[in-house]
N, C-alpha and C. Protein backbone atom coordinates (compact mmCIF):
# COMPACT_ATOMS: atom_id res chain seq x y z
N UNK A 1 8.66 3.86 56.98
CA UNK A 1 7.80 4.66 57.09
C UNK A 1 7.27 4.93 55.39
N UNK A 2 5.49 4.59 55.10
CA UNK A 2 5.38 4.58 54.21
C UNK A 2 4.55 6.06 53.67
N UNK A 3 5.07 6.56 52.73
CA UNK A 3 4.57 8.05 52.51
C UNK A 3 3.86 7.93 50.76
N UNK A 4 2.84 8.84 50.64
CA UNK A 4 1.78 8.91 49.92
C UNK A 4 1.95 9.88 49.07
N UNK A 5 2.27 10.08 47.92
CA UNK A 5 2.36 11.06 46.88
C UNK A 5 1.53 11.51 46.14
N UNK A 6 0.85 12.62 46.30
CA UNK A 6 -0.28 13.16 46.01
C UNK A 6 0.35 13.66 43.81
N UNK A 7 -0.84 13.05 43.10
CA UNK A 7 -0.49 13.72 42.09
C UNK A 7 -0.33 15.09 41.39
N UNK A 8 0.16 16.09 41.06
CA UNK A 8 0.19 17.40 41.26
C UNK A 8 -0.88 17.93 40.14
N UNK A 9 -2.12 18.78 40.15
CA UNK A 9 -2.58 18.61 39.25
C UNK A 9 -2.29 19.83 38.07
N UNK A 10 -2.27 19.68 36.66
CA UNK A 10 -2.25 19.62 35.37
C UNK A 10 -2.99 20.54 34.65
N UNK A 11 -3.00 21.79 34.37
CA UNK A 11 -3.92 22.88 34.01
C UNK A 11 -3.70 22.89 32.32
N UNK A 12 -4.16 22.11 31.53
CA UNK A 12 -4.06 22.44 30.05
C UNK A 12 -4.89 23.36 29.46
N UNK A 13 -5.82 24.00 30.18
CA UNK A 13 -6.29 25.10 29.52
C UNK A 13 -6.29 26.54 30.09
N UNK A 14 -4.50 26.72 30.53
CA UNK A 14 -4.22 27.94 30.70
C UNK A 14 -4.04 28.87 29.50
N UNK A 15 -4.84 30.15 29.35
CA UNK A 15 -5.20 30.53 28.23
C UNK A 15 -5.57 30.11 26.89
N UNK A 16 -6.46 29.60 27.41
CA UNK A 16 -7.26 28.74 26.19
C UNK A 16 -8.38 29.44 25.66
N UNK A 17 -8.35 29.61 24.22
CA UNK A 17 -9.12 30.38 23.75
C UNK A 17 -10.75 29.88 24.03
N UNK A 18 -11.56 30.64 23.65
CA UNK A 18 -13.15 30.88 23.71
C UNK A 18 -13.56 29.88 23.03
N UNK A 19 -13.38 28.33 23.34
CA UNK A 19 -13.86 27.17 22.21
C UNK A 19 -14.13 26.15 22.82
N UNK A 20 -15.41 25.91 23.24
CA UNK A 20 -15.88 24.57 23.79
C UNK A 20 -15.45 23.29 23.16
N UNK A 21 -15.24 23.18 22.04
CA UNK A 21 -14.43 22.13 21.23
C UNK A 21 -13.06 21.47 21.85
N UNK A 22 -12.44 22.42 22.25
CA UNK A 22 -10.75 21.86 23.18
C UNK A 22 -11.06 21.13 24.49
N UNK A 23 -12.42 21.39 25.20
CA UNK A 23 -12.79 20.35 26.04
C UNK A 23 -13.46 18.92 25.92
N UNK A 24 -13.61 18.77 24.54
CA UNK A 24 -14.40 17.66 24.38
C UNK A 24 -13.34 16.93 24.02
N UNK A 25 -12.69 15.63 24.41
CA UNK A 25 -11.19 15.17 24.54
C UNK A 25 -11.41 13.52 23.78
N UNK A 26 -10.87 13.60 22.85
CA UNK A 26 -11.00 11.92 22.43
C UNK A 26 -9.99 10.81 22.96
N UNK A 27 -8.73 11.25 22.66
CA UNK A 27 -7.70 10.92 22.78
C UNK A 27 -6.59 11.42 23.07
N UNK A 28 -5.58 11.14 23.97
CA UNK A 28 -4.08 11.39 24.42
C UNK A 28 -2.78 10.72 23.91
N UNK A 29 -1.88 11.15 23.48
CA UNK A 29 -0.68 10.53 23.23
C UNK A 29 0.25 11.27 23.92
N UNK A 30 1.28 10.62 24.61
CA UNK A 30 2.45 11.25 24.93
C UNK A 30 3.66 11.06 23.65
N UNK A 31 4.30 12.26 23.20
CA UNK A 31 4.96 11.99 22.06
C UNK A 31 6.75 11.72 22.78
N UNK A 32 7.41 11.04 21.84
CA UNK A 32 9.06 11.03 22.40
C UNK A 32 9.35 12.11 22.85
N UNK A 33 8.65 13.25 22.35
CA UNK A 33 9.57 14.73 22.33
C UNK A 33 9.28 15.15 24.00
N UNK A 34 8.04 14.36 24.83
CA UNK A 34 7.62 15.03 26.28
C UNK A 34 6.34 15.45 26.07
N UNK A 35 6.18 16.11 24.80
CA UNK A 35 4.54 16.74 24.71
C UNK A 35 3.76 15.96 24.75
N UNK A 36 2.65 16.24 25.06
CA UNK A 36 1.48 15.52 24.95
C UNK A 36 0.29 16.36 24.16
N UNK A 37 0.12 15.25 23.10
CA UNK A 37 -0.96 15.50 22.27
C UNK A 37 -2.30 15.16 22.70
N UNK A 38 -3.20 16.08 22.45
CA UNK A 38 -4.45 15.75 23.00
C UNK A 38 -5.34 15.82 21.88
N UNK A 39 -6.26 14.98 21.40
CA UNK A 39 -6.99 15.07 20.20
C UNK A 39 -8.30 15.52 20.78
N UNK A 40 -9.30 16.47 19.74
CA UNK A 40 -10.54 17.23 20.36
C UNK A 40 -11.59 16.88 19.51
N UNK A 41 -12.70 17.57 19.98
CA UNK A 41 -13.89 17.63 18.97
C UNK A 41 -13.50 18.59 17.51
N UNK A 42 -14.02 18.59 16.77
CA UNK A 42 -14.12 19.70 15.57
C UNK A 42 -12.63 20.01 15.03
N UNK A 43 -11.91 18.71 14.92
CA UNK A 43 -10.51 19.15 14.21
C UNK A 43 -9.72 19.90 15.19
N UNK A 44 -9.78 19.87 16.35
CA UNK A 44 -8.93 20.82 17.48
C UNK A 44 -7.85 20.10 17.53
N UNK A 45 -6.72 20.28 18.11
CA UNK A 45 -5.70 19.71 18.71
C UNK A 45 -4.95 20.44 20.26
N UNK A 46 -4.62 20.06 21.00
CA UNK A 46 -3.96 20.75 21.79
C UNK A 46 -2.76 19.60 22.13
N UNK A 47 -1.64 20.15 22.30
CA UNK A 47 -0.07 20.38 22.51
C UNK A 47 0.55 20.51 23.76
N UNK A 48 0.55 19.92 24.84
CA UNK A 48 0.68 19.90 26.13
C UNK A 48 2.57 20.06 26.18
N UNK A 49 3.00 21.43 26.64
CA UNK A 49 4.73 20.83 27.00
C UNK A 49 4.93 20.77 28.56
N UNK A 50 5.16 19.94 28.93
CA UNK A 50 5.27 19.36 30.14
C UNK A 50 6.38 19.99 30.79
N UNK A 51 7.42 20.44 30.51
CA UNK A 51 8.45 21.04 31.00
C UNK A 51 8.10 22.69 31.06
N UNK A 52 7.35 23.21 30.13
CA UNK A 52 7.06 24.42 30.09
C UNK A 52 5.64 25.18 30.87
N UNK A 53 4.95 23.55 31.31
CA UNK A 53 3.84 23.97 31.30
C UNK A 53 2.94 24.75 30.69
N UNK A 54 3.14 24.90 29.03
CA UNK A 54 2.22 25.65 28.48
C UNK A 54 1.55 24.60 27.12
N UNK A 55 0.25 25.36 26.81
CA UNK A 55 -0.18 24.50 25.53
C UNK A 55 -0.50 25.27 24.21
N UNK A 56 -0.23 24.19 23.52
CA UNK A 56 -0.38 25.13 22.25
C UNK A 56 -1.54 24.56 21.38
N UNK A 57 -2.78 25.50 21.18
CA UNK A 57 -4.27 25.27 20.87
C UNK A 57 -4.60 25.35 19.44
N UNK A 58 -4.51 24.07 18.53
CA UNK A 58 -4.31 24.20 17.06
C UNK A 58 -5.45 23.66 16.51
N UNK A 59 -5.96 24.29 15.48
CA UNK A 59 -6.63 23.89 14.49
C UNK A 59 -6.44 23.60 12.93
N UNK A 60 -5.61 22.65 12.57
CA UNK A 60 -5.03 22.25 11.44
C UNK A 60 -6.08 22.26 10.03
N UNK A 61 -6.13 22.92 9.04
CA UNK A 61 -7.14 23.01 7.98
C UNK A 61 -7.14 21.69 7.40
N UNK A 62 -6.63 21.13 7.17
CA UNK A 62 -6.66 19.40 7.15
C UNK A 62 -7.75 18.38 7.56
N UNK A 63 -8.11 18.86 8.94
CA UNK A 63 -9.27 18.20 9.57
C UNK A 63 -10.60 18.93 9.12
N UNK A 64 -10.47 19.73 8.44
CA UNK A 64 -12.04 20.44 8.03
C UNK A 64 -12.88 20.15 9.22
N UNK A 65 -12.29 20.70 10.50
CA UNK A 65 -13.21 20.84 11.39
C UNK A 65 -13.59 19.32 11.77
N UNK A 66 -13.21 18.32 11.27
CA UNK A 66 -13.99 17.11 11.59
C UNK A 66 -13.58 16.39 12.75
N UNK A 67 -14.16 15.51 13.79
CA UNK A 67 -13.58 15.09 15.30
C UNK A 67 -12.66 14.16 14.85
N UNK A 68 -11.42 14.72 15.53
CA UNK A 68 -10.36 13.81 15.42
C UNK A 68 -10.52 12.92 16.87
N UNK A 69 -10.53 11.36 16.52
CA UNK A 69 -11.07 10.66 17.37
C UNK A 69 -9.85 9.68 18.20
N UNK A 70 -8.55 9.48 17.10
CA UNK A 70 -7.17 8.90 17.63
C UNK A 70 -6.65 9.58 17.14
N UNK A 71 -5.03 9.54 17.88
CA UNK A 71 -3.50 9.89 17.89
C UNK A 71 -2.78 8.60 18.25
N UNK A 72 -2.06 8.40 17.54
CA UNK A 72 -0.81 7.40 17.84
C UNK A 72 0.71 7.61 17.26
N UNK A 73 1.76 7.13 17.84
CA UNK A 73 2.91 7.77 17.51
C UNK A 73 3.56 6.43 17.00
N UNK A 74 4.50 6.51 15.41
CA UNK A 74 5.03 5.26 15.12
C UNK A 74 6.28 5.50 15.72
N UNK A 75 7.29 4.30 15.34
CA UNK A 75 8.55 4.27 15.61
C UNK A 75 9.14 5.39 15.20
N UNK A 76 9.09 6.07 14.48
CA UNK A 76 9.94 7.31 14.16
C UNK A 76 9.73 8.64 14.85
N UNK A 77 8.53 8.67 15.58
CA UNK A 77 7.96 9.56 16.16
C UNK A 77 7.31 10.53 15.55
N UNK A 78 6.44 10.13 14.02
CA UNK A 78 5.52 10.71 13.38
C UNK A 78 4.25 10.32 14.26
N UNK A 79 3.32 10.99 14.12
CA UNK A 79 1.89 10.89 14.64
C UNK A 79 0.75 11.02 13.44
N UNK A 80 0.30 9.68 13.93
CA UNK A 80 -1.23 9.50 13.05
C UNK A 80 -2.44 10.14 14.02
N UNK A 81 -3.20 10.45 12.62
CA UNK A 81 -4.54 11.06 13.45
C UNK A 81 -5.83 10.21 12.75
N UNK A 82 -6.62 9.82 13.52
CA UNK A 82 -7.91 9.43 12.49
C UNK A 82 -9.44 10.17 12.94
N UNK A 83 -9.92 10.37 12.13
CA UNK A 83 -11.07 11.47 12.22
C UNK A 83 -12.54 10.58 12.07
N UNK A 84 -13.56 11.49 12.58
CA UNK A 84 -14.53 10.93 12.38
C UNK A 84 -15.56 10.75 10.96
N UNK A 85 -14.64 11.31 9.93
CA UNK A 85 -15.17 10.74 8.65
C UNK A 85 -14.35 10.12 7.90
N UNK A 86 -13.26 9.34 8.41
CA UNK A 86 -12.80 8.44 8.13
C UNK A 86 -11.27 9.16 7.54
N UNK A 87 -10.95 10.10 7.85
CA UNK A 87 -9.49 10.35 7.20
C UNK A 87 -8.57 10.09 7.81
N UNK A 88 -7.48 9.64 7.33
CA UNK A 88 -6.14 9.31 8.27
C UNK A 88 -5.21 10.19 7.85
N UNK A 89 -4.51 10.87 8.84
CA UNK A 89 -3.68 11.81 8.80
C UNK A 89 -2.39 11.51 9.22
N UNK A 90 -1.04 11.67 8.78
CA UNK A 90 0.24 11.62 9.24
C UNK A 90 0.66 13.17 9.37
N UNK A 91 1.37 13.16 10.80
CA UNK A 91 2.39 14.31 10.81
C UNK A 91 3.71 13.92 10.97
N UNK A 92 4.57 14.46 10.07
CA UNK A 92 5.73 14.39 9.74
C UNK A 92 6.31 15.12 11.25
N UNK A 93 7.56 14.26 11.87
CA UNK A 93 8.13 14.64 13.13
C UNK A 93 9.29 15.34 12.63
N UNK A 94 8.96 16.46 12.30
CA UNK A 94 10.12 17.71 11.63
C UNK A 94 10.18 18.98 12.80
N UNK A 95 9.46 18.85 13.79
CA UNK A 95 9.82 19.93 14.76
C UNK A 95 8.48 21.13 14.94
N UNK A 96 7.88 21.43 13.56
CA UNK A 96 6.99 22.35 13.74
C UNK A 96 5.80 21.63 14.09
N UNK A 97 4.97 22.23 15.06
CA UNK A 97 3.92 21.74 15.45
C UNK A 97 2.77 21.73 14.36
N UNK A 98 2.54 22.97 14.27
CA UNK A 98 1.65 23.55 13.08
C UNK A 98 1.37 22.96 11.39
N UNK A 99 2.48 22.59 11.13
CA UNK A 99 2.86 22.14 9.57
C UNK A 99 3.46 20.81 9.78
N UNK A 100 3.50 20.31 8.62
CA UNK A 100 3.85 18.75 8.69
C UNK A 100 2.51 17.90 8.33
N UNK A 101 1.29 18.09 8.40
CA UNK A 101 0.18 17.76 8.26
C UNK A 101 -0.20 16.98 6.60
N UNK A 102 -0.27 15.70 6.39
CA UNK A 102 -0.98 15.41 4.71
C UNK A 102 -2.17 14.13 5.23
N UNK A 103 -2.95 14.08 4.19
CA UNK A 103 -3.81 13.12 4.30
C UNK A 103 -3.14 12.05 3.51
N UNK A 104 -3.17 10.56 4.58
CA UNK A 104 -3.02 9.29 4.05
C UNK A 104 -3.67 8.53 3.24
N UNK A 105 -5.03 8.57 3.50
CA UNK A 105 -5.96 8.12 3.22
C UNK A 105 -7.40 8.28 3.31
N UNK A 106 -8.24 8.01 2.88
CA UNK A 106 -9.73 8.55 3.42
C UNK A 106 -10.51 7.10 3.49
N UNK A 107 -11.02 6.85 4.63
CA UNK A 107 -11.90 5.48 4.05
C UNK A 107 -13.17 5.70 4.31
N UNK A 108 -13.44 6.31 4.07
CA UNK A 108 -14.79 6.59 3.82
C UNK A 108 -15.97 6.15 5.12
N UNK A 109 -15.57 5.97 6.41
CA UNK A 109 -15.99 5.31 7.33
C UNK A 109 -15.45 5.88 8.31
N UNK A 110 -16.51 5.74 9.53
CA UNK A 110 -15.83 6.12 10.93
C UNK A 110 -14.45 5.33 11.06
N UNK A 111 -13.32 5.95 11.72
CA UNK A 111 -12.02 5.14 12.31
C UNK A 111 -12.13 5.22 13.77
N UNK A 112 -12.31 3.88 14.05
CA UNK A 112 -12.84 4.14 15.66
C UNK A 112 -11.23 3.44 16.67
N UNK A 113 -10.25 2.78 15.86
CA UNK A 113 -9.04 2.86 16.55
C UNK A 113 -7.73 2.89 15.25
N UNK A 114 -7.02 3.48 16.05
CA UNK A 114 -5.35 3.25 15.62
C UNK A 114 -4.39 1.95 16.22
N UNK A 115 -3.92 1.27 15.95
CA UNK A 115 -3.44 0.37 16.34
C UNK A 115 -1.70 0.35 15.58
N UNK A 116 -0.43 0.18 16.63
CA UNK A 116 0.89 0.11 15.83
C UNK A 116 1.13 -1.66 16.33
N UNK A 117 1.20 -2.45 15.83
CA UNK A 117 1.71 -3.77 16.13
C UNK A 117 3.09 -4.32 16.56
N UNK A 118 3.57 -5.01 17.04
CA UNK A 118 4.86 -5.37 17.42
C UNK A 118 6.05 -5.22 16.36
N UNK A 119 5.80 -5.77 15.24
CA UNK A 119 6.43 -5.36 13.99
C UNK A 119 6.70 -3.77 13.38
N UNK A 120 5.44 -2.83 13.75
CA UNK A 120 5.56 -1.45 13.81
C UNK A 120 4.63 -1.07 12.69
N UNK A 121 3.65 -2.25 11.87
CA UNK A 121 2.90 -1.94 11.10
C UNK A 121 1.57 -0.97 12.00
N UNK A 122 0.95 -0.64 10.79
CA UNK A 122 -0.58 0.36 11.19
C UNK A 122 -1.87 -0.40 10.77
N UNK A 123 -2.62 -0.38 12.00
CA UNK A 123 -3.89 -1.35 11.90
C UNK A 123 -4.88 -0.07 12.02
N UNK A 124 -6.05 -0.26 11.38
CA UNK A 124 -7.11 0.73 11.68
C UNK A 124 -8.53 0.31 11.78
N UNK A 125 -9.08 0.37 12.33
CA UNK A 125 -10.35 -0.26 12.86
C UNK A 125 -11.40 0.93 12.40
N UNK A 126 -12.60 0.59 11.92
CA UNK A 126 -13.78 1.42 10.98
C UNK A 126 -15.13 0.94 11.50
N UNK A 127 -16.01 1.61 11.33
CA UNK A 127 -17.26 1.48 11.56
C UNK A 127 -17.86 0.93 9.99
N UNK A 128 -18.09 -0.45 10.05
CA UNK A 128 -18.83 -0.65 8.26
C UNK A 128 -17.70 -1.04 7.23
N UNK A 129 -16.48 -1.04 7.59
CA UNK A 129 -15.51 -1.50 6.76
C UNK A 129 -14.32 -1.92 7.00
N UNK A 130 -14.50 -3.07 8.47
CA UNK A 130 -13.73 -3.85 9.15
C UNK A 130 -12.18 -3.39 9.42
N UNK A 131 -11.43 -4.07 8.99
CA UNK A 131 -9.50 -3.85 9.40
C UNK A 131 -9.03 -3.75 8.18
N UNK A 132 -8.15 -2.93 8.52
CA UNK A 132 -7.11 -2.39 7.30
C UNK A 132 -5.71 -2.50 8.29
N UNK A 133 -4.54 -3.33 7.60
CA UNK A 133 -3.20 -2.82 7.87
C UNK A 133 -2.40 -2.29 6.90
N UNK A 134 -1.72 -1.41 7.56
CA UNK A 134 -1.33 -0.26 6.76
C UNK A 134 0.56 -0.31 6.95
N UNK A 135 1.07 0.15 5.93
CA UNK A 135 2.72 0.17 6.08
C UNK A 135 2.99 1.63 6.29
N UNK A 136 3.40 2.39 7.76
CA UNK A 136 3.40 3.76 7.94
C UNK A 136 4.23 3.88 6.95
N UNK A 137 5.56 3.34 6.21
CA UNK A 137 6.54 4.07 5.90
C UNK A 137 6.06 4.41 4.15
N UNK A 138 5.04 3.46 3.51
CA UNK A 138 4.33 3.95 2.15
C UNK A 138 3.15 4.39 2.62
N UNK A 139 2.18 3.86 3.28
CA UNK A 139 1.00 4.79 3.39
C UNK A 139 0.05 3.66 2.72
N UNK A 140 0.90 2.26 2.20
CA UNK A 140 -0.12 1.10 1.27
C UNK A 140 -0.79 0.53 2.45
N UNK A 141 -2.19 0.06 1.72
CA UNK A 141 -2.60 -0.78 2.40
C UNK A 141 -2.45 -2.36 2.44
N UNK A 142 -1.58 -3.07 3.19
CA UNK A 142 -1.42 -4.51 3.19
C UNK A 142 -2.32 -5.64 3.55
N UNK A 143 -3.45 -5.19 4.15
CA UNK A 143 -4.28 -6.35 4.29
C UNK A 143 -5.98 -5.45 4.83
N UNK A 144 -6.64 -6.06 4.40
CA UNK A 144 -8.22 -5.92 4.89
C UNK A 144 -9.05 -7.04 5.11
N UNK A 145 -9.52 -6.80 6.19
CA UNK A 145 -10.56 -7.81 6.92
C UNK A 145 -11.64 -7.18 6.80
N UNK A 146 -12.63 -7.76 6.25
CA UNK A 146 -14.22 -7.44 6.43
C UNK A 146 -15.08 -7.33 4.98
N UNK A 147 -14.39 -6.42 3.97
CA UNK A 147 -14.94 -5.95 2.43
C UNK A 147 -15.35 -7.31 1.92
N UNK A 148 -14.38 -8.75 2.06
CA UNK A 148 -14.57 -9.92 1.69
C UNK A 148 -15.50 -10.87 2.37
N UNK A 149 -15.69 -10.36 3.32
CA UNK A 149 -16.90 -11.07 4.61
C UNK A 149 -15.75 -12.01 5.16
N UNK A 150 -14.47 -11.84 5.46
CA UNK A 150 -13.46 -12.47 5.74
C UNK A 150 -13.72 -12.80 7.17
N UNK A 151 -14.62 -11.18 7.65
CA UNK A 151 -14.68 -11.58 9.51
C UNK A 151 -16.09 -12.09 9.23
N UNK A 152 -16.20 -12.26 10.75
CA UNK A 152 -17.36 -13.34 10.73
C UNK A 152 -18.61 -12.43 10.68
N UNK A 153 -19.71 -12.37 10.38
CA UNK A 153 -21.14 -12.13 10.17
C UNK A 153 -21.59 -10.96 10.96
N UNK A 154 -21.74 -9.83 10.58
CA UNK A 154 -21.95 -8.66 11.52
C UNK A 154 -20.80 -8.00 12.34
N UNK A 155 -19.56 -8.53 11.81
CA UNK A 155 -18.55 -8.10 12.40
C UNK A 155 -17.36 -7.08 11.84
N UNK A 156 -18.25 -6.08 10.73
CA UNK A 156 -17.37 -5.42 10.10
C UNK A 156 -17.23 -3.76 10.81
N UNK A 157 -17.88 -3.96 12.21
CA UNK A 157 -17.79 -2.75 12.91
C UNK A 157 -16.81 -3.03 14.00
N UNK A 158 -15.49 -2.39 13.93
CA UNK A 158 -14.72 -3.18 14.68
C UNK A 158 -14.16 -1.69 15.72
N UNK A 159 -14.22 -1.97 17.00
CA UNK A 159 -13.78 -0.84 18.18
C UNK A 159 -12.80 -0.98 18.47
N UNK A 160 -12.04 -2.20 18.40
CA UNK A 160 -10.60 -2.33 18.91
C UNK A 160 -9.84 -3.36 18.31
N UNK A 161 -8.39 -3.25 18.65
CA UNK A 161 -7.66 -4.16 17.96
C UNK A 161 -6.40 -4.39 18.98
N UNK A 162 -5.99 -5.77 19.19
CA UNK A 162 -4.71 -6.40 20.41
C UNK A 162 -4.13 -7.29 19.47
N UNK A 163 -2.71 -7.23 19.23
CA UNK A 163 -2.00 -8.13 19.00
C UNK A 163 -1.97 -9.04 20.43
N UNK A 164 -2.09 -10.40 20.59
CA UNK A 164 -1.90 -11.17 21.64
C UNK A 164 -0.53 -12.06 21.39
N UNK A 165 -0.02 -12.15 20.27
CA UNK A 165 1.60 -12.74 20.21
C UNK A 165 1.61 -13.16 19.00
N UNK A 166 3.12 -13.46 18.43
CA UNK A 166 3.08 -13.49 17.21
C UNK A 166 2.26 -14.12 16.17
N UNK A 167 1.31 -15.32 16.77
CA UNK A 167 0.33 -15.70 15.60
C UNK A 167 -0.81 -14.88 15.76
N UNK A 168 -1.46 -14.38 16.74
CA UNK A 168 -2.85 -14.21 17.12
C UNK A 168 -2.96 -12.49 17.24
N UNK A 169 -4.12 -12.31 16.54
CA UNK A 169 -4.47 -11.10 16.73
C UNK A 169 -6.03 -10.49 17.31
N UNK A 170 -6.10 -10.04 17.86
CA UNK A 170 -7.91 -9.89 18.23
C UNK A 170 -8.36 -8.77 17.73
N UNK A 171 -9.55 -8.82 17.09
CA UNK A 171 -10.50 -7.73 16.25
C UNK A 171 -11.94 -7.75 17.06
N UNK A 172 -12.20 -6.89 18.14
CA UNK A 172 -12.98 -6.76 18.77
C UNK A 172 -14.15 -5.55 17.84
N UNK A 173 -15.71 -6.08 18.13
CA UNK A 173 -16.44 -5.31 17.72
C UNK A 173 -17.80 -5.99 18.06
N UNK A 174 -18.59 -6.04 17.10
CA UNK A 174 -20.24 -6.69 17.24
C UNK A 174 -19.65 -7.94 17.80
N UNK A 175 -18.46 -8.53 17.23
CA UNK A 175 -18.39 -10.01 17.76
C UNK A 175 -16.86 -10.13 18.13
N UNK A 176 -16.55 -10.76 18.76
CA UNK A 176 -14.85 -10.88 18.76
C UNK A 176 -14.32 -11.97 18.10
N UNK A 177 -13.48 -11.53 16.94
CA UNK A 177 -12.67 -12.35 16.23
C UNK A 177 -11.25 -12.56 16.06
N UNK A 178 -10.60 -13.81 16.37
CA UNK A 178 -9.40 -14.02 16.57
C UNK A 178 -8.62 -14.28 14.96
N UNK A 179 -7.66 -13.48 14.88
CA UNK A 179 -7.30 -14.09 13.46
C UNK A 179 -5.59 -14.73 13.56
N UNK A 180 -5.71 -15.95 13.17
CA UNK A 180 -4.41 -16.64 13.08
C UNK A 180 -3.22 -16.12 11.76
N UNK A 181 -2.18 -15.60 12.21
CA UNK A 181 -1.31 -15.01 11.31
C UNK A 181 -1.21 -16.20 10.34
N UNK A 182 -0.57 -17.53 11.06
CA UNK A 182 -0.13 -18.45 10.07
C UNK A 182 -0.66 -19.29 9.37
N UNK A 183 -1.78 -19.63 10.02
CA UNK A 183 -2.74 -20.17 9.00
C UNK A 183 -3.76 -19.36 8.43
N UNK A 184 -3.95 -18.00 8.69
CA UNK A 184 -4.86 -17.36 7.89
C UNK A 184 -6.07 -17.35 8.28
N UNK A 185 -6.65 -18.10 9.67
CA UNK A 185 -8.02 -18.22 9.72
C UNK A 185 -8.16 -17.57 10.98
N UNK A 186 -9.88 -17.06 10.77
CA UNK A 186 -10.36 -16.21 11.51
C UNK A 186 -12.04 -17.14 12.37
N UNK A 187 -11.41 -16.62 13.36
CA UNK A 187 -12.38 -17.63 14.17
C UNK A 187 -13.22 -16.68 14.98
N UNK A 188 -14.43 -16.92 15.33
CA UNK A 188 -15.52 -15.82 16.21
C UNK A 188 -15.96 -16.36 17.57
N UNK A 189 -15.84 -15.66 18.73
CA UNK A 189 -16.15 -16.13 19.87
C UNK A 189 -17.46 -15.57 20.04
N UNK A 190 -18.51 -16.00 20.55
CA UNK A 190 -19.83 -15.19 20.68
C UNK A 190 -20.15 -15.47 22.03
N UNK A 191 -19.31 -16.24 23.23
CA UNK A 191 -20.05 -16.43 24.38
C UNK A 191 -18.73 -16.47 25.56
N UNK A 192 -19.26 -15.74 26.33
CA UNK A 192 -18.25 -16.33 27.67
C UNK A 192 -18.80 -16.60 28.78
N UNK A 193 -18.28 -17.69 29.45
CA UNK A 193 -19.01 -18.40 30.71
C UNK A 193 -20.37 -18.79 30.24
N UNK A 194 -20.68 -18.94 28.93
CA UNK A 194 -21.79 -19.51 28.65
C UNK A 194 -22.86 -18.15 28.57
N UNK A 195 -22.33 -16.94 28.23
CA UNK A 195 -23.14 -15.85 28.37
C UNK A 195 -22.52 -14.91 27.16
N UNK A 196 -23.92 -14.71 26.34
CA UNK A 196 -23.38 -14.00 24.79
C UNK A 196 -22.33 -13.07 24.91
N UNK A 197 -21.79 -12.85 23.94
CA UNK A 197 -20.90 -11.60 24.03
C UNK A 197 -21.51 -10.72 22.88
N UNK A 198 -21.74 -9.54 22.84
CA UNK A 198 -22.38 -8.60 21.84
C UNK A 198 -21.92 -7.04 22.23
N UNK A 199 -21.32 -6.48 21.25
CA UNK A 199 -21.05 -5.16 21.27
C UNK A 199 -19.48 -5.25 22.09
N UNK A 200 -18.36 -5.74 21.72
CA UNK A 200 -17.34 -5.60 22.74
C UNK A 200 -16.74 -4.24 21.86
N UNK A 201 -16.44 -3.71 22.73
CA UNK A 201 -16.01 -2.25 22.57
C UNK A 201 -14.48 -2.21 23.03
N UNK A 202 -14.02 -2.86 23.82
CA UNK A 202 -12.35 -2.80 24.26
C UNK A 202 -11.92 -4.30 24.50
N UNK A 203 -10.51 -4.30 24.33
CA UNK A 203 -9.81 -5.65 24.90
C UNK A 203 -8.58 -5.31 25.09
N UNK A 204 -8.06 -6.25 26.20
CA UNK A 204 -6.97 -6.34 26.77
C UNK A 204 -6.23 -7.53 27.11
N UNK A 205 -5.25 -7.67 27.46
CA UNK A 205 -4.30 -9.08 27.63
C UNK A 205 -4.66 -9.15 29.10
N UNK A 206 -3.84 -10.23 29.58
CA UNK A 206 -4.14 -11.17 30.91
C UNK A 206 -5.12 -11.93 30.38
N UNK A 207 -5.05 -13.12 29.81
CA UNK A 207 -5.89 -13.87 29.60
C UNK A 207 -7.24 -13.32 28.65
N UNK A 208 -7.14 -12.07 27.89
CA UNK A 208 -7.90 -11.60 26.77
C UNK A 208 -9.39 -11.07 27.88
N UNK A 209 -9.01 -10.26 28.58
CA UNK A 209 -10.49 -9.43 28.91
C UNK A 209 -10.92 -8.77 27.78
N UNK A 210 -12.55 -8.94 27.61
CA UNK A 210 -13.29 -8.10 26.76
C UNK A 210 -14.18 -7.29 27.42
N UNK A 211 -14.45 -6.13 27.24
CA UNK A 211 -15.52 -5.30 28.03
C UNK A 211 -16.39 -4.96 26.78
N UNK A 212 -17.60 -5.49 27.30
CA UNK A 212 -18.92 -5.40 26.28
C UNK A 212 -20.07 -4.35 26.79
N UNK A 213 -20.58 -3.59 25.54
CA UNK A 213 -21.72 -2.55 26.03
C UNK A 213 -22.56 -3.28 26.72
N UNK A 214 -23.37 -4.39 26.55
CA UNK A 214 -24.39 -5.16 26.92
C UNK A 214 -24.49 -6.59 26.28
N UNK A 215 -24.93 -7.49 27.12
CA UNK A 215 -25.30 -8.62 27.03
C UNK A 215 -26.66 -9.48 26.40
N UNK A 216 -26.67 -10.01 25.56
CA UNK A 216 -27.99 -10.17 24.99
C UNK A 216 -28.28 -11.88 25.90
């Protein structure tokens, strides 16, 4: 006999403050501790404890009330945050939820995506400045694509990043760019099934599926 299990509803807004910014959610990341970190509008964070069914509501001063668009975890359990105004912030996995935040870099452009590749390196996608690769251990920029016109024309607005295999990375934005690690070349895909691609905002594996805002 088959049984259908219904997902139990979770109320992360128990005892929430009277602040509508907490309901404007941009990203969610489950930490290795089991706590769920929720990035919100105007520099707000919610941290939901699944064991206790309790939520901590934070407004870390380091964000200066700027929208937190991305939150991602590295191999050490540290969390990385990206803001609307181009700020990259690292939270050190030290046990304290309210402390341990520091700015790693200011990119001067909207950060649209944070992505950790198979080797543990951090990639940062921006609007207008292309793509950066950083060493999460040192915070140093290793590579940048875009400022030197290494990306195809009109492709410095990047929305998503995906590592396809050991040799290929995909940078999705105004166009679809494929970077070959071995030869350093970047190729662009401008059409699919004879239909032009424009405004690619998300990519996923399984023969590389791309989602576009519109087709020209």
